[in-house]
Amino acid sequence: MATWLRDGSRWVLALVFSVFSLSLQASPGEDAAQKVRQSTDELVLKLNQERQTFYKDPETFYGIMESALADVVDFERIAARVMGRYRREASNVQRDGFTDVFKRSMFRAYGKTLVETGEFKVKVLGGEDNARDATRANVNLEVISASGNKYPVVYAMYLNPKRGWLLENVIVNGVNVGLAFRDKFEQQYTQHNGNFDAILTNWSTTVEDDKLKASQATSGGA
């Protein structure tokens, strides 16, 4: 009887600790938020450290920013979604080419803004589980400018079996960035009569033009 109680107690304790450890496991949304929090801290740190590099050697600056984002952003997946149904018509070389052009356009168009915007803060507010799919989650952020303006940002994340939680889309101040770029790709496809090489050649210029127009509209310019 004493032996049974001793062994039985061990089993009971094992079960209790097992249940306790399960209750401490983070939800998908919390896991995603934690990864975003770590990557955001690294990105802001790198940005503050490398501001002068942007002016001296922009290409090196872009490389540093890409390295800081590599573990949390799935550029290939985002680029594929931007191409949408037209991706089936492109060759593998053209698909890879667009992924590279898309990444570089983002760094070129917005790198200068990040550098010249002055000090800013990014708060990771928390993650939201997807009730229908445990491999999807949203992470809510808030960007606070030096002047105190606040901008809500939502990261749409998915769980990659090999790389963990990765960013697949962004919503900034209510604007779905992925859909906006998909619309832009469709416009370029129509304008260039389905010529993917022409789309790749002109993509960065169109992104920078859009950014300039948005900046002028925000500041009240023409």
Protein backbone atom coordinates (compact mmCIF):
# COMPACT_ATOMS: atom_id res chain seq x y z
CA MET A 1 0.00 0.00 0.00
CA ALA A 2 2.81 2.44 0.90
CA THR A 3 4.56 1.62 -2.37
CA TRP A 4 1.34 2.26 -4.37
CA LEU A 5 0.78 5.59 -2.62
CA ARG A 6 4.37 6.63 -3.27
CA ASP A 7 4.23 5.65 -6.96
CA GLY A 8 0.68 6.93 -7.34
CA SER A 9 1.67 10.30 -5.94
CA ARG A 10 4.37 10.56 -8.55
CA TRP A 11 1.81 9.97 -11.31
CA VAL A 12 -0.56 12.54 -9.84
CA LEU A 13 2.21 15.13 -9.59
CA ALA A 14 3.31 14.37 -13.15
CA LEU A 15 -0.23 14.91 -14.43
CA VAL A 16 -0.62 18.13 -12.46
CA PHE A 17 2.62 19.57 -13.80
CA SER A 18 1.74 18.47 -17.34
CA VAL A 19 -1.58 20.31 -17.21
CA PHE A 20 0.12 23.33 -15.62
CA SER A 21 2.76 23.48 -18.34
CA LEU A 22 0.10 23.25 -21.05
CA SER A 23 -1.76 26.16 -19.51
CA LEU A 24 1.41 28.26 -19.76
CA GLN A 25 1.88 27.70 -23.49
CA ALA A 26 1.30 30.86 -25.47
CA SER A 27 -1.56 31.08 -27.91
CA PRO A 28 -0.78 31.40 -31.65
CA GLY A 29 -1.43 35.13 -31.53
CA GLU A 30 0.87 35.57 -28.53
CA ASP A 31 3.61 33.52 -30.21
CA ALA A 32 3.36 35.64 -33.35
CA ALA A 33 3.37 38.86 -31.30
CA GLN A 34 6.50 37.77 -29.45
CA LYS A 35 8.38 37.18 -32.70
CA VAL A 36 7.22 40.53 -34.07
CA ARG A 37 8.28 42.25 -30.86
CA GLN A 38 11.79 40.79 -31.09
CA SER A 39 12.20 41.61 -34.78
CA THR A 40 10.82 45.14 -34.33
CA ASP A 41 13.27 45.87 -31.53
CA GLU A 42 16.11 44.65 -33.73
CA LEU A 43 14.93 46.69 -36.72
CA VAL A 44 14.61 49.95 -34.77
CA LEU A 45 18.02 49.36 -33.16
CA LYS A 46 19.64 48.73 -36.54
CA LEU A 47 17.92 51.75 -38.04
CA ASN A 48 19.17 54.06 -35.31
CA GLN A 49 22.68 52.65 -35.63
CA GLU A 50 22.83 52.86 -39.41
CA ARG A 51 21.16 56.20 -40.20
CA GLN A 52 24.39 57.69 -41.54
CA THR A 53 25.05 54.59 -43.63
CA PHE A 54 21.99 55.48 -45.72
CA TYR A 55 23.65 58.70 -46.89
CA LYS A 56 27.12 57.21 -47.35
CA ASP A 57 26.20 53.86 -48.90
CA PRO A 58 22.47 53.29 -49.56
CA GLU A 59 23.00 49.77 -50.93
CA THR A 60 24.69 48.69 -47.72
CA PHE A 61 21.85 50.28 -45.74
CA TYR A 62 19.25 48.32 -47.73
CA GLY A 63 21.17 45.12 -47.10
CA ILE A 64 21.26 45.77 -43.35
CA MET A 65 17.51 46.44 -43.26
CA GLU A 66 16.77 43.31 -45.29
CA SER A 67 18.90 41.24 -42.94
CA ALA A 68 16.99 42.61 -39.95
CA LEU A 69 13.66 41.69 -41.58
CA ALA A 70 14.65 38.33 -43.08
CA ASP A 71 13.53 36.26 -40.09
CA VAL A 72 10.03 37.74 -39.89
CA VAL A 73 9.00 38.80 -43.42
CA ASP A 74 8.23 36.29 -46.20
CA PHE A 75 9.05 38.48 -49.18
CA GLU A 76 8.56 35.61 -51.63
CA ARG A 77 5.04 34.95 -50.41
CA ILE A 78 4.12 38.63 -50.44
CA ALA A 79 5.50 39.11 -53.95
CA ALA A 80 3.58 36.06 -55.18
CA ARG A 81 0.35 37.49 -53.79
CA VAL A 82 1.05 40.85 -55.39
CA MET A 83 1.42 39.15 -58.78
CA GLY A 84 -1.85 37.33 -58.13
CA ARG A 85 -3.28 35.26 -60.96
CA TYR A 86 -0.74 36.68 -63.41
CA ARG A 87 2.04 34.81 -61.64
CA ARG A 88 1.06 31.66 -63.55
CA GLU A 89 2.03 33.37 -66.80
CA ALA A 90 5.52 34.33 -65.60
CA SER A 91 8.62 32.17 -65.85
CA ASN A 92 10.50 31.10 -62.72
CA VAL A 93 13.20 33.64 -63.55
CA GLN A 94 10.61 36.40 -63.83
CA ARG A 95 8.96 35.36 -60.57
CA ASP A 96 12.28 35.46 -58.73
CA GLY A 97 13.09 38.73 -60.47
CA PHE A 98 9.89 40.34 -59.27
CA THR A 99 10.53 39.21 -55.69
CA ASP A 100 13.92 40.94 -55.80
CA VAL A 101 12.55 44.07 -57.48
CA PHE A 102 9.66 44.22 -55.02
CA LYS A 103 11.98 44.04 -52.00
CA ARG A 104 14.30 46.69 -53.34
CA SER A 105 11.44 49.01 -54.24
CA MET A 106 10.23 48.87 -50.65
CA PHE A 107 13.64 49.71 -49.23
CA ARG A 108 14.29 52.48 -51.75
CA ALA A 109 10.88 54.10 -51.48
CA TYR A 110 10.55 53.99 -47.71
CA GLY A 111 14.13 53.76 -46.45
CA LYS A 112 14.69 57.50 -46.76
CA THR A 113 11.40 58.19 -44.97
CA LEU A 114 12.41 55.98 -42.06
CA VAL A 115 15.80 57.63 -41.81
CA GLU A 116 14.57 61.22 -42.03
CA THR A 117 11.41 60.85 -39.96
CA GLY A 118 13.39 61.30 -36.76
CA GLU A 119 12.89 59.30 -33.61
CA PHE A 120 9.79 57.15 -33.51
CA LYS A 121 8.46 54.35 -31.36
CA VAL A 122 6.76 51.10 -32.25
CA LYS A 123 4.52 49.43 -29.70
CA VAL A 124 3.49 45.81 -30.20
CA LEU A 125 0.06 45.79 -28.59
CA GLY A 126 -0.58 42.05 -28.79
CA GLY A 127 -1.67 39.19 -30.98
CA GLU A 128 -5.09 37.92 -32.05
CA ASP A 129 -5.77 34.24 -32.70
CA ASN A 130 -7.58 33.16 -35.84
CA ALA A 131 -10.52 31.08 -34.60
CA ARG A 132 -10.71 29.16 -37.89
CA ASP A 133 -7.02 28.52 -38.49
CA ALA A 134 -4.35 28.04 -35.83
CA THR A 135 -1.65 28.75 -38.43
CA ARG A 136 -2.89 32.33 -38.89
CA ALA A 137 -2.77 35.28 -36.49
CA ASN A 138 -2.86 39.07 -36.49
CA VAL A 139 -0.46 41.24 -34.51
CA ASN A 140 -1.54 44.78 -33.62
CA LEU A 141 1.06 47.52 -33.50
CA GLU A 142 1.11 51.26 -32.98
CA VAL A 143 3.69 53.55 -34.56
CA ILE A 144 4.22 56.80 -32.67
CA SER A 145 6.00 59.61 -34.51
CA ALA A 146 8.31 62.16 -32.93
CA SER A 147 5.44 64.66 -32.97
CA GLY A 148 3.19 62.24 -31.08
CA ASN A 149 0.99 61.14 -33.98
CA LYS A 150 -0.16 57.53 -33.72
CA TYR A 151 -0.72 55.15 -36.61
CA PRO A 152 -2.37 51.74 -36.18
CA VAL A 153 -0.67 48.87 -37.98
CA VAL A 154 -1.77 45.24 -38.28
CA TYR A 155 0.60 42.46 -39.27
CA ALA A 156 -1.05 39.43 -40.87
CA MET A 157 1.09 36.43 -39.91
CA TYR A 158 1.17 32.79 -40.91
CA LEU A 159 2.98 29.83 -39.38
CA ASN A 160 5.67 28.45 -41.67
CA PRO A 161 6.55 24.83 -40.74
CA LYS A 162 10.29 25.53 -41.07
CA ARG A 163 10.70 29.23 -40.28
CA GLY A 164 8.01 29.86 -37.67
CA TRP A 165 5.75 32.92 -37.72
CA LEU A 166 6.22 35.10 -40.81
CA LEU A 167 4.62 38.30 -42.07
CA GLU A 168 2.46 37.91 -45.19
CA ASN A 169 0.58 41.22 -45.29
CA VAL A 170 0.32 44.61 -43.59
CA ILE A 171 -2.60 46.94 -42.94
CA VAL A 172 -1.53 50.52 -42.20
CA ASN A 173 -4.12 52.96 -40.88
CA GLY A 174 -6.86 50.84 -42.43
CA VAL A 175 -5.16 50.47 -45.84
CA ASN A 176 -4.48 46.90 -46.97
CA VAL A 177 -0.98 47.22 -48.40
CA GLY A 178 -1.02 43.81 -50.08
CA LEU A 179 -4.22 44.56 -51.98
CA ALA A 180 -2.96 48.02 -52.96
CA PHE A 181 0.16 46.55 -54.51
CA ARG A 182 -1.85 43.82 -56.21
CA ASP A 183 -3.98 46.50 -57.85
CA LYS A 184 -0.80 48.29 -58.90
CA PHE A 185 0.60 45.11 -60.46
CA GLU A 186 -2.61 44.61 -62.41
CA GLN A 187 -2.40 48.19 -63.71
CA GLN A 188 1.20 47.61 -64.78
CA TYR A 189 0.26 44.33 -66.44
CA THR A 190 -2.41 46.09 -68.49
CA GLN A 191 -0.21 49.07 -69.30
CA HIS A 192 2.64 46.87 -70.56
CA ASN A 193 0.41 44.32 -72.32
CA GLY A 194 1.54 41.46 -70.09
CA ASN A 195 5.25 42.08 -70.66
CA PHE A 196 6.75 40.98 -67.34
CA ASP A 197 10.21 42.26 -68.18
CA ALA A 198 8.77 45.75 -68.70
CA ILE A 199 6.88 45.50 -65.40
CA LEU A 200 10.07 44.58 -63.57
CA THR A 201 11.98 47.43 -65.21
CA ASN A 202 9.40 50.06 -64.26
CA TRP A 203 8.18 48.74 -60.90
CA SER A 204 10.48 50.69 -58.57
CA THR A 205 9.78 53.97 -60.37
CA THR A 206 6.01 53.55 -60.06
CA VAL A 207 6.26 52.75 -56.34
CA GLU A 208 8.38 55.84 -55.71
CA ASP A 209 5.97 58.00 -57.74
CA ASP A 210 3.03 56.73 -55.68
CA LYS A 211 4.88 57.48 -52.47
CA LEU A 212 5.62 61.02 -53.66
CA LYS A 213 1.96 61.61 -54.58
CA ALA A 214 0.82 60.29 -51.20
CA SER A 215 3.31 62.59 -49.44
CA GLN A 216 2.10 65.61 -51.41
CA ALA A 217 -1.54 64.77 -50.66
CA THR A 218 -0.80 64.45 -46.95
CA SER A 219 1.06 67.77 -46.85
CA GLY A 220 -1.57 69.54 -48.94
CA GLY A 221 0.61 69.75 -52.06
CA ALA A 222 -0.56 69.37 -55.64
